[in-house]
Every structure is written in C-alpha cells, then in structure tokens.
C-alpha atoms as a PDB file:
ATOM      1  CA  MET A   1     -18.823  -9.143-185.820  1.00  0.00           C
ATOM      2  CA  ARG A   2     -20.683  -6.966-183.401  1.00  0.00           C
ATOM      3  CA  PHE A   3     -21.424 -10.005-181.353  1.00  0.00           C
ATOM      4  CA  PHE A   4     -17.800 -10.939-181.134  1.00  0.00           C
ATOM      5  CA  THR A   5     -16.821  -7.455-180.022  1.00  0.00           C
ATOM      6  CA  SER A   6     -19.389  -7.583-177.242  1.00  0.00           C
ATOM      7  CA  ILE A   7     -18.033 -10.873-175.918  1.00  0.00           C
ATOM      8  CA  THR A   8     -14.515  -9.558-176.015  1.00  0.00           C
ATOM      9  CA  PHE A   9     -15.473  -6.536-173.971  1.00  0.00           C
ATOM     10  CA  THR A  10     -17.254  -8.679-171.458  1.00  0.00           C
ATOM     11  CA  LEU A  11     -14.235 -10.904-171.056  1.00  0.00           C
ATOM     12  CA  PHE A  12     -12.068  -7.882-170.538  1.00  0.00           C
ATOM     13  CA  ILE A  13     -14.311  -6.651-167.828  1.00  0.00           C
ATOM     14  CA  LEU A  14     -14.215 -10.022-166.107  1.00  0.00           C
ATOM     15  CA  LEU A  15     -10.443 -10.128-166.401  1.00  0.00           C
ATOM     16  CA  VAL A  16     -10.049  -6.721-164.809  1.00  0.00           C
ATOM     17  CA  SER A  17     -12.502  -7.691-162.174  1.00  0.00           C
ATOM     18  CA  CYS A  18     -10.558 -10.874-161.327  1.00  0.00           C
ATOM     19  CA  THR A  19      -7.314  -8.971-161.309  1.00  0.00           C
ATOM     20  CA  ASN A  20      -8.730  -6.557-158.713  1.00  0.00           C
ATOM     21  CA  ARG A  21     -10.044  -9.444-156.638  1.00  0.00           C
ATOM     22  CA  ASP A  22      -6.597 -11.113-156.594  1.00  0.00           C
ATOM     23  CA  GLY A  23      -5.173  -7.898-155.087  1.00  0.00           C
ATOM     24  CA  GLU A  24      -7.757  -7.992-152.323  1.00  0.00           C
ATOM     25  CA  ILE A  25      -7.026 -11.650-151.669  1.00  0.00           C
ATOM     26  CA  ILE A  26      -3.305 -10.960-151.445  1.00  0.00           C
ATOM     27  CA  ASP A  27      -3.948  -8.097-149.027  1.00  0.00           C
ATOM     28  CA  LEU A  28      -6.164 -10.350-146.965  1.00  0.00           C
ATOM     29  CA  ILE A  29      -3.529 -13.080-146.944  1.00  0.00           C
ATOM     30  CA  ASN A  30      -0.885 -10.547-145.889  1.00  0.00           C
ATOM     31  CA  SER A  31      -3.151  -9.235-143.126  1.00  0.00           C
ATOM     32  CA  VAL A  32      -3.814 -12.757-141.860  1.00  0.00           C
ATOM     33  CA  LYS A  33      -0.088 -13.490-141.959  1.00  0.00           C
ATOM     34  CA  LYS A  34       0.715 -10.347-139.948  1.00  0.00           C
ATOM     35  CA  GLN A  35      -1.926 -11.270-137.360  1.00  0.00           C
ATOM     36  CA  ASN A  36      -0.465 -14.750-137.229  1.00  0.00           C
ATOM     37  CA  ASP A  37       3.024 -13.304-136.681  1.00  0.00           C
ATOM     38  CA  ASP A  38       1.691 -11.001-133.939  1.00  0.00           C
ATOM     39  CA  LEU A  39      -0.027 -13.950-132.312  1.00  0.00           C
ATOM     40  CA  LYS A  40       3.197 -15.964-132.435  1.00  0.00           C
ATOM     41  CA  ALA A  41       5.060 -13.059-130.786  1.00  0.00           C
ATOM     42  CA  GLN A  42       2.426 -12.856-128.056  1.00  0.00           C
ATOM     43  CA  ILE A  43       2.586 -16.636-127.555  1.00  0.00           C
ATOM     44  CA  THR A  44       6.388 -16.441-127.326  1.00  0.00           C
ATOM     45  CA  ALA A  45       6.179 -13.599-124.747  1.00  0.00           C
ATOM     46  CA  LEU A  46       3.496 -15.466-122.807  1.00  0.00           C
ATOM     47  CA  LYS A  47       5.672 -18.589-122.833  1.00  0.00           C
ATOM     48  CA  LYS A  48       8.595 -16.622-121.405  1.00  0.00           C
ATOM     49  CA  THR A  49       6.325 -15.219-118.684  1.00  0.00           C
ATOM     50  CA  THR A  50       4.949 -18.682-117.998  1.00  0.00           C
ATOM     51  CA  ASP A  51       8.456 -20.134-117.801  1.00  0.00           C
ATOM     52  CA  SER A  52       9.491 -17.394-115.339  1.00  0.00           C
ATOM     53  CA  ALA A  53       6.388 -18.039-113.281  1.00  0.00           C
ATOM     54  CA  LEU A  54       7.107 -21.763-113.330  1.00  0.00           C
ATOM     55  CA  VAL A  55      10.682 -21.144-112.156  1.00  0.00           C
ATOM     56  CA  ALA A  56       9.347 -18.916-109.348  1.00  0.00           C
ATOM     57  CA  VAL A  57       6.847 -21.596-108.364  1.00  0.00           C
ATOM     58  CA  LEU A  58       9.619 -24.187-108.282  1.00  0.00           C
ATOM     59  CA  LYS A  59      11.726 -21.884-106.100  1.00  0.00           C
ATOM     60  CA  VAL A  60       8.776 -21.300-103.764  1.00  0.00           C
ATOM     61  CA  ASN A  61       8.171 -25.036-103.577  1.00  0.00           C
ATOM     62  CA  SER A  62      11.844 -25.595-102.795  1.00  0.00           C
ATOM     63  CA  LEU A  63      11.797 -22.905-100.078  1.00  0.00           C
ATOM     64  CA  GLN A  64       8.571 -24.335 -98.650  1.00  0.00           C
ATOM     65  CA  THR A  65      10.160 -27.780 -98.501  1.00  0.00           C
ATOM     66  CA  ALA A  66      13.229 -26.381 -96.711  1.00  0.00           C
ATOM     67  CA  THR A  67      11.021 -24.372 -94.345  1.00  0.00           C
ATOM     68  CA  ASP A  68       8.930 -27.430 -93.552  1.00  0.00           C
ATOM     69  CA  LYS A  69      12.094 -29.339 -92.707  1.00  0.00           C
ATOM     70  CA  LYS A  70      13.277 -26.526 -90.428  1.00  0.00           C
ATOM     71  CA  ILE A  71       9.877 -26.379 -88.748  1.00  0.00           C
ATOM     72  CA  ASP A  72      10.024 -30.144 -88.184  1.00  0.00           C
ATOM     73  CA  LEU A  73      13.477 -29.776 -86.628  1.00  0.00           C
ATOM     74  CA  ILE A  74      12.315 -26.891 -84.425  1.00  0.00           C
ATOM     75  CA  GLN A  75       9.260 -28.857 -83.318  1.00  0.00           C
ATOM     76  CA  THR A  76      11.515 -31.805 -82.465  1.00  0.00           C
ATOM     77  CA  ASP A  77      13.828 -29.522 -80.455  1.00  0.00           C
ATOM     78  CA  LEU A  78      10.840 -27.911 -78.750  1.00  0.00           C
ATOM     79  CA  LYS A  79       9.467 -31.281 -77.713  1.00  0.00           C
ATOM     80  CA  SER A  80      12.884 -32.149 -76.291  1.00  0.00           C
ATOM     81  CA  VAL A  81      13.041 -28.861 -74.359  1.00  0.00           C
ATOM     82  CA  LEU A  82       9.511 -29.366 -73.015  1.00  0.00           C
ATOM     83  CA  THR A  83      10.473 -32.851 -71.887  1.00  0.00           C
ATOM     84  CA  GLN A  84      13.527 -31.466 -70.090  1.00  0.00           C
ATOM     85  CA  ILE A  85      11.436 -28.718 -68.463  1.00  0.00           C
ATOM     86  CA  SER A  86       8.955 -31.308 -67.273  1.00  0.00           C
ATOM     87  CA  SER A  87      11.790 -33.365 -65.817  1.00  0.00           C
ATOM     88  CA  LEU A  88      13.301 -30.304 -64.112  1.00  0.00           C
ATOM     89  CA  THR A  89       9.899 -29.328 -62.726  1.00  0.00           C
ATOM     90  CA  THR A  90       9.551 -32.778 -61.209  1.00  0.00           C
ATOM     91  CA  GLN A  91      13.031 -32.501 -59.714  1.00  0.00           C
ATOM     92  CA  MET A  92      12.282 -29.004 -58.370  1.00  0.00           C
ATOM     93  CA  THR A  93       9.074 -30.244 -56.775  1.00  0.00           C
ATOM     94  CA  ALA A  94      11.010 -32.995 -55.054  1.00  0.00           C
ATOM     95  CA  THR A  95      13.725 -30.509 -54.022  1.00  0.00           C
ATOM     96  CA  ASN A  96      11.142 -28.088 -52.616  1.00  0.00           C
ATOM     97  CA  ALA A  97       9.649 -30.903 -50.590  1.00  0.00           C
ATOM     98  CA  ASP A  98      13.113 -31.729 -49.263  1.00  0.00           C
ATOM     99  CA  LEU A  99      13.734 -28.050 -48.460  1.00  0.00           C
ATOM    100  CA  ALA A 100      10.403 -27.785 -46.637  1.00  0.00           C
ATOM    101  CA  SER A 101      11.292 -30.864 -44.616  1.00  0.00           C
ATOM    102  CA  LEU A 102      14.748 -29.439 -43.907  1.00  0.00           C
ATOM    103  CA  LYS A 103      13.266 -26.098 -42.826  1.00  0.00           C
ATOM    104  CA  THR A 104      10.943 -27.907 -40.427  1.00  0.00           C
ATOM    105  CA  LYS A 105      13.941 -29.679 -38.930  1.00  0.00           C
ATOM    106  CA  ILE A 106      15.912 -26.422 -38.723  1.00  0.00           C
ATOM    107  CA  ASP A 107      12.981 -24.673 -37.024  1.00  0.00           C
ATOM    108  CA  ALA A 108      12.770 -27.519 -34.499  1.00  0.00           C
ATOM    109  CA  LEU A 109      16.525 -27.242 -33.861  1.00  0.00           C
ATOM    110  CA  GLN A 110      16.163 -23.468 -33.487  1.00  0.00           C
ATOM    111  CA  VAL A 111      13.511 -23.968 -30.808  1.00  0.00           C
ATOM    112  CA  LYS A 112      15.796 -26.367 -28.942  1.00  0.00           C
ATOM    113  CA  CYS A 113      18.678 -23.948 -29.379  1.00  0.00           C
ATOM    114  CA  ASN A 114      16.580 -21.122 -27.908  1.00  0.00           C
ATOM    115  CA  GLU A 115      15.671 -23.318 -24.988  1.00  0.00           C
ATOM    116  CA  LEU A 116      19.346 -24.145 -24.434  1.00  0.00           C
ATOM    117  CA  VAL A 117      20.306 -20.468 -24.641  1.00  0.00           C
ATOM    118  CA  ALA A 118      17.633 -19.615 -22.092  1.00  0.00           C
ATOM    119  CA  GLN A 119      18.927 -22.337 -19.756  1.00  0.00           C
ATOM    120  CA  ILE A 120      22.492 -21.026 -20.154  1.00  0.00           C
ATOM    121  CA  ALA A 121      21.265 -17.516 -19.427  1.00  0.00           C
ATOM    122  CA  LEU A 122      19.568 -18.737 -16.245  1.00  0.00           C
ATOM    123  CA  LEU A 123      22.759 -20.507 -15.177  1.00  0.00           C
ATOM    124  CA  ASN A 124      24.790 -17.367 -15.830  1.00  0.00           C
ATOM    125  CA  VAL A 125      22.495 -15.090 -13.829  1.00  0.00           C
ATOM    126  CA  SER A 126      22.464 -17.569 -10.952  1.00  0.00           C
ATOM    127  CA  ASN A 127      26.274 -17.545 -10.819  1.00  0.00           C
ATOM    128  CA  PHE A 128      26.718 -14.213  -9.074  1.00  0.00           C
ATOM    129  CA  SER A 129      27.155 -12.560  -5.737  1.00  0.00           C
ATOM    130  CA  THR A 130      25.645  -9.338  -4.454  1.00  0.00           C
ATOM    131  CA  VAL A 131      27.055  -6.068  -3.221  1.00  0.00           C
ATOM    132  CA  THR A 132      25.489  -3.414  -1.039  1.00  0.00           C
ATOM    133  CA  SER A 133      26.128   0.152  -2.138  1.00  0.00           C
ATOM    134  CA  LYS A 134      26.322   3.336  -0.042  1.00  0.00           C
ATOM    135  CA  THR A 135      22.618   3.879  -0.740  1.00  0.00           C
ATOM    136  CA  GLY A 136      21.896   0.658   1.153  1.00  0.00           C
ATOM    137  CA  ARG A 137      20.571  -1.010  -2.006  1.00  0.00           C
ATOM    138  CA  VAL A 138      21.600  -4.536  -2.993  1.00  0.00           C
ATOM    139  CA  TRP A 139      22.890  -5.026  -6.519  1.00  0.00           C
ATOM    140  CA  MET A 140      24.296  -7.897  -8.554  1.00  0.00           C
ATOM    141  CA  ASP A 141      28.085  -7.727  -8.442  1.00  0.00           C
ATOM    142  CA  ARG A 142      28.373  -8.026 -12.250  1.00  0.00           C
ATOM    143  CA  ASN A 143      26.527  -7.331 -15.490  1.00  0.00           C
ATOM    144  CA  LEU A 144      23.993  -9.890 -16.665  1.00  0.00           C
ATOM    145  CA  GLY A 145      25.845 -12.521 -18.672  1.00  0.00           C
ATOM    146  CA  ALA A 146      29.299 -11.580 -17.332  1.00  0.00           C
ATOM    147  CA  THR A 147      31.483 -14.462 -16.186  1.00  0.00           C
ATOM    148  CA  GLN A 148      33.253 -12.391 -13.564  1.00  0.00           C
ATOM    149  CA  VAL A 149      33.336  -9.116 -11.679  1.00  0.00           C
ATOM    150  CA  ALA A 150      35.254  -6.461 -13.620  1.00  0.00           C
ATOM    151  CA  THR A 151      38.969  -6.421 -12.807  1.00  0.00           C
ATOM    152  CA  SER A 152      39.395  -3.257 -14.885  1.00  0.00           C
ATOM    153  CA  PRO A 153      37.117  -0.933 -16.877  1.00  0.00           C
ATOM    154  CA  THR A 154      38.159  -2.779 -20.052  1.00  0.00           C
ATOM    155  CA  ASP A 155      37.830  -6.342 -18.727  1.00  0.00           C
ATOM    156  CA  GLU A 156      35.986  -8.060 -21.599  1.00  0.00           C
ATOM    157  CA  LYS A 157      34.866 -10.978 -19.431  1.00  0.00           C
ATOM    158  CA  SER A 158      32.858  -8.505 -17.367  1.00  0.00           C
ATOM    159  CA  TYR A 159      30.983  -6.918 -20.282  1.00  0.00           C
ATOM    160  CA  GLY A 160      28.186  -9.489 -20.286  1.00  0.00           C
ATOM    161  CA  TYR A 161      25.143  -9.490 -22.558  1.00  0.00           C
ATOM    162  CA  TYR A 162      23.585  -6.772 -24.749  1.00  0.00           C
ATOM    163  CA  TYR A 163      19.807  -6.642 -24.323  1.00  0.00           C
ATOM    164  CA  GLN A 164      17.253  -4.898 -26.470  1.00  0.00           C
ATOM    165  CA  TRP A 165      14.982  -3.056 -24.051  1.00  0.00           C
ATOM    166  CA  GLY A 166      12.057  -5.174 -22.882  1.00  0.00           C
ATOM    167  CA  ARG A 167      13.157  -8.478 -24.470  1.00  0.00           C
ATOM    168  CA  GLY A 168      13.612 -11.612 -22.409  1.00  0.00           C
ATOM    169  CA  ASN A 169      16.452 -14.122 -22.140  1.00  0.00           C
ATOM    170  CA  ASP A 170      15.765 -15.608 -25.574  1.00  0.00           C
ATOM    171  CA  GLY A 171      19.356 -15.594 -26.848  1.00  0.00           C
ATOM    172  CA  HIS A 172      19.273 -12.303 -28.751  1.00  0.00           C
ATOM    173  CA  GLN A 173      21.387 -10.776 -25.991  1.00  0.00           C
ATOM    174  CA  LEU A 174      24.421 -12.947 -26.751  1.00  0.00           C
ATOM    175  CA  PRO A 175      27.233 -10.987 -28.466  1.00  0.00           C
ATOM    176  CA  THR A 176      27.375 -13.780 -31.069  1.00  0.00           C
ATOM    177  CA  SER A 177      23.651 -13.784 -31.903  1.00  0.00           C
ATOM    178  CA  LEU A 178      22.624 -13.432 -35.535  1.00  0.00           C
ATOM    179  CA  THR A 179      20.435 -10.579 -36.789  1.00  0.00           C
ATOM    180  CA  THR A 180      17.146 -10.035 -38.623  1.00  0.00           C
ATOM    181  CA  THR A 181      15.213  -7.049 -39.958  1.00  0.00           C
ATOM    182  CA  ASN A 182      11.834  -8.635 -39.212  1.00  0.00           C
ATOM    183  CA  ARG A 183      10.251  -6.833 -36.280  1.00  0.00           C
ATOM    184  CA  SER A 184       8.233  -8.853 -33.807  1.00  0.00           C
ATOM    185  CA  LEU A 185       4.442  -8.881 -33.531  1.00  0.00           C
ATOM    186  CA  SER A 186       4.520 -10.059 -29.927  1.00  0.00           C
ATOM    187  CA  ASP A 187       6.336  -9.412 -26.642  1.00  0.00           C
ATOM    188  CA  GLN A 188       8.253 -12.675 -27.177  1.00  0.00           C
ATOM    189  CA  PRO A 189       9.693 -12.819 -30.733  1.00  0.00           C
ATOM    190  CA  GLY A 190      10.212 -16.578 -30.448  1.00  0.00           C
ATOM    191  CA  ASN A 191      13.760 -16.507 -31.802  1.00  0.00           C
ATOM    192  CA  SER A 192      17.290 -15.667 -30.713  1.00  0.00           C
ATOM    193  CA  LEU A 193      17.919 -13.042 -33.411  1.00  0.00           C
ATOM    194  CA  PHE A 194      18.990  -9.489 -32.640  1.00  0.00           C
ATOM    195  CA  ILE A 195      16.348  -7.361 -34.398  1.00  0.00           C
ATOM    196  CA  LEU A 196      17.813  -4.601 -36.552  1.00  0.00           C
ATOM    197  CA  VAL A 197      15.835  -1.372 -36.849  1.00  0.00           C
ATOM    198  CA  PRO A 198      17.501   0.955 -39.384  1.00  0.00           C
ATOM    199  CA  GLY A 199      16.511   4.500 -40.147  1.00  0.00           C
ATOM    200  CA  SER A 200      14.070   6.098 -37.728  1.00  0.00           C
ATOM    201  CA  ASP A 201      15.047   6.321 -34.060  1.00  0.00           C
ATOM    202  CA  ASN A 202      11.356   6.182 -33.134  1.00  0.00           C
ATOM    203  CA  LEU A 203      10.997   2.543 -34.170  1.00  0.00           C
ATOM    204  CA  ASP A 204      11.017  -0.423 -31.844  1.00  0.00           C
ATOM    205  CA  TRP A 205      12.001  -4.074 -32.179  1.00  0.00           C
ATOM    206  CA  LYS A 206       8.242  -4.660 -31.902  1.00  0.00           C
ATOM    207  CA  VAL A 207       5.781  -3.584 -34.571  1.00  0.00           C
ATOM    208  CA  THR A 208       3.669  -2.136 -31.749  1.00  0.00           C
ATOM    209  CA  PRO A 209       5.889  -1.064 -28.825  1.00  0.00           C
ATOM    210  CA  ASN A 210       4.924  -2.084 -25.293  1.00  0.00           C
ATOM    211  CA  PRO A 211       6.212   0.385 -22.650  1.00  0.00           C
ATOM    212  CA  ASN A 212       5.020  -1.911 -19.851  1.00  0.00           C
ATOM    213  CA  LEU A 213       7.787  -4.492 -20.273  1.00  0.00           C
ATOM    214  CA  TRP A 214      10.476  -4.933 -17.588  1.00  0.00           C
ATOM    215  CA  GLN A 215       8.328  -3.254 -14.939  1.00  0.00           C
ATOM    216  CA  GLY A 216       9.236  -4.806 -11.563  1.00  0.00           C
ATOM    217  CA  VAL A 217      10.217  -8.315 -10.499  1.00  0.00           C
ATOM    218  CA  ASN A 218       7.011  -9.713 -11.996  1.00  0.00           C
ATOM    219  CA  GLY A 219       7.186  -7.576 -15.108  1.00  0.00           C
ATOM    220  CA  ILE A 220       6.824  -9.089 -18.557  1.00  0.00           C
ATOM    221  CA  ASN A 221      10.201 -10.413 -19.800  1.00  0.00           C
ATOM    222  CA  ASN A 222      12.065  -9.472 -16.604  1.00  0.00           C
ATOM    223  CA  VAL A 223      15.577 -10.730 -17.361  1.00  0.00           C
ATOM    224  CA  CYS A 224      16.929 -10.518 -13.823  1.00  0.00           C
ATOM    225  CA  PRO A 225      17.186 -13.410 -11.321  1.00  0.00           C
ATOM    226  CA  THR A 226      14.310 -14.042  -8.936  1.00  0.00           C
ATOM    227  CA  GLY A 227      13.884 -11.109  -6.566  1.00  0.00           C
ATOM    228  CA  PHE A 228      15.857  -8.762  -8.832  1.00  0.00           C
ATOM    229  CA  ARG A 229      14.782  -6.321 -11.563  1.00  0.00           C
ATOM    230  CA  VAL A 230      16.063  -3.647 -13.924  1.00  0.00           C
ATOM    231  CA  PRO A 231      16.704  -0.398 -11.949  1.00  0.00           C
ATOM    232  CA  THR A 232      14.824   2.858 -12.557  1.00  0.00           C
ATOM    233  CA  ASN A 233      16.276   6.226 -13.608  1.00  0.00           C
ATOM    234  CA  LEU A 234      15.994   7.471 -10.037  1.00  0.00           C
ATOM    235  CA  GLU A 235      17.849   4.476  -8.615  1.00  0.00           C
ATOM    236  CA  TRP A 236      20.688   5.000 -11.059  1.00  0.00           C
ATOM    237  CA  LEU A 237      20.934   8.696 -10.199  1.00  0.00           C
ATOM    238  CA  GLN A 238      20.854   7.959  -6.470  1.00  0.00           C
ATOM    239  CA  GLU A 239      23.690   5.503  -6.967  1.00  0.00           C
ATOM    240  CA  ARG A 240      25.711   7.975  -8.999  1.00  0.00           C
ATOM    241  CA  SER A 241      25.434  10.544  -6.217  1.00  0.00           C
ATOM    242  CA  THR A 242      27.590   8.274  -3.996  1.00  0.00           C
ATOM    243  CA  TRP A 243      30.438   7.870  -6.471  1.00  0.00           C
ATOM    244  CA  SER A 244      33.744   9.677  -6.266  1.00  0.00           C
ATOM    245  CA  SER A 245      32.932  11.379  -9.568  1.00  0.00           C
ATOM    246  CA  SER A 246      30.024  11.486 -11.990  1.00  0.00           C
ATOM    247  CA  THR A 247      32.067   9.722 -14.667  1.00  0.00           C
ATOM    248  CA  ALA A 248      32.891   6.235 -15.871  1.00  0.00           C
ATOM    249  CA  GLU A 249      35.814   6.211 -13.441  1.00  0.00           C
ATOM    250  CA  GLY A 250      33.450   6.880 -10.553  1.00  0.00           C
ATOM    251  CA  GLY A 251      31.225   3.999 -11.702  1.00  0.00           C
ATOM    252  CA  PHE A 252      34.133   1.567 -11.807  1.00  0.00           C
ATOM    253  CA  THR A 253      35.708   2.593  -8.512  1.00  0.00           C
ATOM    254  CA  SER A 254      32.305   2.238  -6.822  1.00  0.00           C
ATOM    255  CA  VAL A 255      31.190  -1.029  -5.292  1.00  0.00           C
ATOM    256  CA  LEU A 256      29.339  -1.816  -8.548  1.00  0.00           C
ATOM    257  CA  LYS A 257      32.596  -2.065 -10.587  1.00  0.00           C
ATOM    258  CA  LEU A 258      30.827  -0.958 -13.774  1.00  0.00           C
ATOM    259  CA  PRO A 259      32.967  -1.796 -16.863  1.00  0.00           C
ATOM    260  CA  LEU A 260      33.063   0.107 -20.168  1.00  0.00           C
ATOM    261  CA  SER A 261      31.037  -2.466 -22.098  1.00  0.00           C
ATOM    262  CA  GLY A 262      29.977  -0.212 -24.998  1.00  0.00           C
ATOM    263  CA  ASN A 263      26.784  -1.189 -26.853  1.00  0.00           C
ATOM    264  CA  ARG A 264      25.349  -2.993 -29.861  1.00  0.00           C
ATOM    265  CA  ILE A 265      24.096  -0.681 -32.613  1.00  0.00           C
ATOM    266  CA  ALA A 266      20.423  -1.035 -33.584  1.00  0.00           C
ATOM    267  CA  GLU A 267      20.942  -0.266 -37.275  1.00  0.00           C
ATOM    268  CA  TYR A 268      23.701  -2.781 -37.969  1.00  0.00           C
ATOM    269  CA  GLY A 269      24.077  -5.185 -35.042  1.00  0.00           C
ATOM    270  CA  THR A 270      27.753  -4.272 -34.722  1.00  0.00           C
ATOM    271  CA  PHE A 271      29.459  -3.134 -31.510  1.00  0.00           C
ATOM    272  CA  ASP A 272      30.633   0.317 -30.569  1.00  0.00           C
ATOM    273  CA  GLY A 273      32.469   1.937 -27.659  1.00  0.00           C
ATOM    274  CA  LEU A 274      33.979  -1.229 -26.212  1.00  0.00           C
ATOM    275  CA  GLY A 275      36.424  -0.135 -23.510  1.00  0.00           C
ATOM    276  CA  ILE A 276      35.529   3.523 -24.110  1.00  0.00           C
ATOM    277  CA  TYR A 277      32.065   4.075 -22.647  1.00  0.00           C
ATOM    278  CA  SER A 278      29.080   2.061 -21.482  1.00  0.00           C
ATOM    279  CA  ASP A 279      25.282   2.149 -21.606  1.00  0.00           C
ATOM    280  CA  TYR A 280      23.125   0.556 -18.893  1.00  0.00           C
ATOM    281  CA  TRP A 281      19.374   0.126 -19.293  1.00  0.00           C
ATOM    282  CA  SER A 282      16.812   1.595 -16.944  1.00  0.00           C
ATOM    283  CA  SER A 283      13.231   0.340 -16.679  1.00  0.00           C
ATOM    284  CA  THR A 284      11.918   3.926 -16.827  1.00  0.00           C
ATOM    285  CA  VAL A 285       9.932   4.933 -19.934  1.00  0.00           C
ATOM    286  CA  GLN A 286       9.520   8.607 -20.790  1.00  0.00           C
ATOM    287  CA  ASN A 287       7.795   9.875 -23.943  1.00  0.00           C
ATOM    288  CA  ASN A 288       8.061   6.393 -25.463  1.00  0.00           C
ATOM    289  CA  ARG A 289      11.835   6.401 -24.908  1.00  0.00           C
ATOM    290  CA  ARG A 290      13.691   4.165 -22.474  1.00  0.00           C
ATOM    291  CA  GLY A 291      16.060   5.418 -19.794  1.00  0.00           C
ATOM    292  CA  VAL A 292      19.784   4.714 -20.150  1.00  0.00           C
ATOM    293  CA  MET A 293      22.648   5.415 -17.733  1.00  0.00           C
ATOM    294  CA  VAL A 294      25.574   6.517 -19.893  1.00  0.00           C
ATOM    295  CA  LEU A 295      29.117   6.412 -18.505  1.00  0.00           C
ATOM    296  CA  THR A 296      32.000   8.165 -20.274  1.00  0.00           C
ATOM    297  CA  SER A 297      35.346   9.600 -19.202  1.00  0.00           C
ATOM    298  CA  LYS A 298      33.667  13.003 -18.828  1.00  0.00           C
ATOM    299  CA  PHE A 299      30.237  12.294 -17.371  1.00  0.00           C
ATOM    300  CA  ALA A 300      27.745   9.731 -16.109  1.00  0.00           C
ATOM    301  CA  ASP A 301      24.133  10.679 -16.662  1.00  0.00           C
ATOM    302  CA  ILE A 302      20.686   9.529 -17.742  1.00  0.00           C
ATOM    303  CA  TYR A 303      19.362  10.045 -21.221  1.00  0.00           C
ATOM    304  CA  HIS A 304      16.496   8.437 -23.117  1.00  0.00           C
ATOM    305  CA  ASP A 305      16.876   6.222 -26.129  1.00  0.00           C
ATOM    306  CA  PRO A 306      14.653   4.105 -28.393  1.00  0.00           C
ATOM    307  CA  SER A 307      14.733   0.440 -27.469  1.00  0.00           C
ATOM    308  CA  PRO A 308      16.277  -1.366 -30.465  1.00  0.00           C
ATOM    309  CA  ALA A 309      19.897  -0.836 -29.328  1.00  0.00           C
ATOM    310  CA  GLY A 310      21.666  -3.507 -27.299  1.00  0.00           C
ATOM    311  CA  TYR A 311      22.772  -2.254 -23.860  1.00  0.00           C
ATOM    312  CA  SER A 312      24.104  -3.808 -20.650  1.00  0.00           C
ATOM    313  CA  VAL A 313      21.886  -4.676 -17.696  1.00  0.00           C
ATOM    314  CA  ARG A 314      22.866  -4.500 -14.035  1.00  0.00           C
ATOM    315  CA  CYS A 315      20.110  -5.836 -11.792  1.00  0.00           C
ATOM    316  CA  ILE A 316      19.031  -4.402  -8.449  1.00  0.00           C
ATOM    317  CA  LYS A 317      17.273  -6.327  -5.696  1.00  0.00           C
ATOM    318  CA  ASP A 318      13.638  -5.339  -5.262  1.00  0.00           C
END
C-alpha cells in the first residue's frame, strides 16, 4: 500500500512536470511563429524595394538606350557638318587663290592706269600758252590740268587739277580720283589715290613730311612743265601788287585770269568753295606749313596750311 502511494505521487509529479514543459513548448512555437511572420514581412518589404529598384534600373536602361541613339544621331550629324566644313574650306582656299590672282591683275592694271594718267597730265600741261605779267615774269596762261583759259571766274573748264602739296603727277590730282586713308612712306606714293588726313591739321599725306619737295625746276615731284615751277610766296605777293585790287576780282582781271576753283578738303576728299574762292599753292615752307595764295571777294593774301588739302597750281617760268 505504501509502495503504491509512492508510485502514484511520482506519476503526479511527472504529469505536472510534463504539463509545464508543454507550456514552454507552446510558447517556443509561438515565438518561432512570430519570428517567422516578422521575417515574412521583412521579405515582403524587401521584395517591394527590390521591385522598385528593378523598375528604376529598367527605366535607366531605357533612358540610356535612348541617349545612346541620340548620341549616335548627333555624331552622324557632326560628321556631316565636319565634311561640309572641309568642303567649304577647300572652296575658300581655291577662292582665296583666285582673289590673290585677281588682286595681282588689278595691281598691274592700276600701275598701267597710273602711267596713263601721268601721260595725260603731261599732255595737258604741254597744251598751254604763256602770259607775261606787269612784273615781267612769265606764267602759264591757265591752271595745271585746265583745258582752257578762264572765260569767267566760275568757268569750270578752267579750274584744273587739285594737288596735294609736294605730290607729283600720279593721278591723285584729278577731281575724279578715289581716296585712301593710308599715308605714304615715300615721296612717291605709287598710286593715284587722294590721301585723306582727318583730325589733326599738323599731319601730312606722308608719314614723315618732306619740306624739300617742289623746290625749283629740278625739285622732287615738280609738277610743272619743263622750265616751269611752283611760285614762291614772294612771287605771288609781287604779282598781287600789280592787280587792280587785292581780291579775287583783281586776280581774274589780271593777265593771269585766275578762276575761283575752290579746293579739295583733306579730311573728306570732297570739294568746297567752287566758284566762291580759290587756293593756289606756293612752294614756300614756313614752320612746316606750306604757303597758299587765297583769293576771295574781300581779299587776296598768303597764309600757311598743312599739305594734305588739294589746291590749284599755276606755274611760273624759272
């Protein structure tokens, strides 16, 4: 009996012990299940993130493909443009060669033109007569370049040429000559262009002025016929002293028949004072300025001017 009671107690203890262990197992199973659920939630979230990343990658790949196509198109266009530029460069090279050849021909024609102008100038200055004034001096009966003796103070055919002081018969003196702003390095510019000198009245048609031009019958660039030269200030003043009045009227009524030929402006190459007054060059140089006999309705006198302007020339026999 005692033995049986002992076994019963032992079995009870084991039963209680098993019952407690089942509770622990259930808790463990529940814990594992919760972890498994958490893991599934994390996997689901990770899958969503992965799917989003995959979509982004696909979009990037699509954009890259489109960009590559655009780059290919741009490269194709660029190659086409470069080909066209190369073709244009070749054409421009050929055109430049043609222009250089044309310029050479034009320069050669310009030289011949200058020679022709010089020959015409020589013919014009040889087609004149002379007059002897009250001073006993012999003068040309007309301005250089004039086709006739003045029939009136405003006779345009008697105006003649417009020389820049010291320049020769190179064609610049023609009223129709073209202009340039390039000043000459030498006493002979080598062209028929009237040289414009804007701004300062101390500038010359030469880069370095030469006051020794036009000095005497053998002077450099003497524009007058053989045996004649550009008169001095004194010779002009001596001539004026014999006129009926020291005005433009006195100059015209004198044996010289000086017309009102005006002048050609140094700054612009245009003409001024035609039929109103006249300016005649002198060979005299004073303080780097050239002498000019000015004739107006009120006076006739000498003043000094820089050389770029275009004035008339009346030659006197040496």
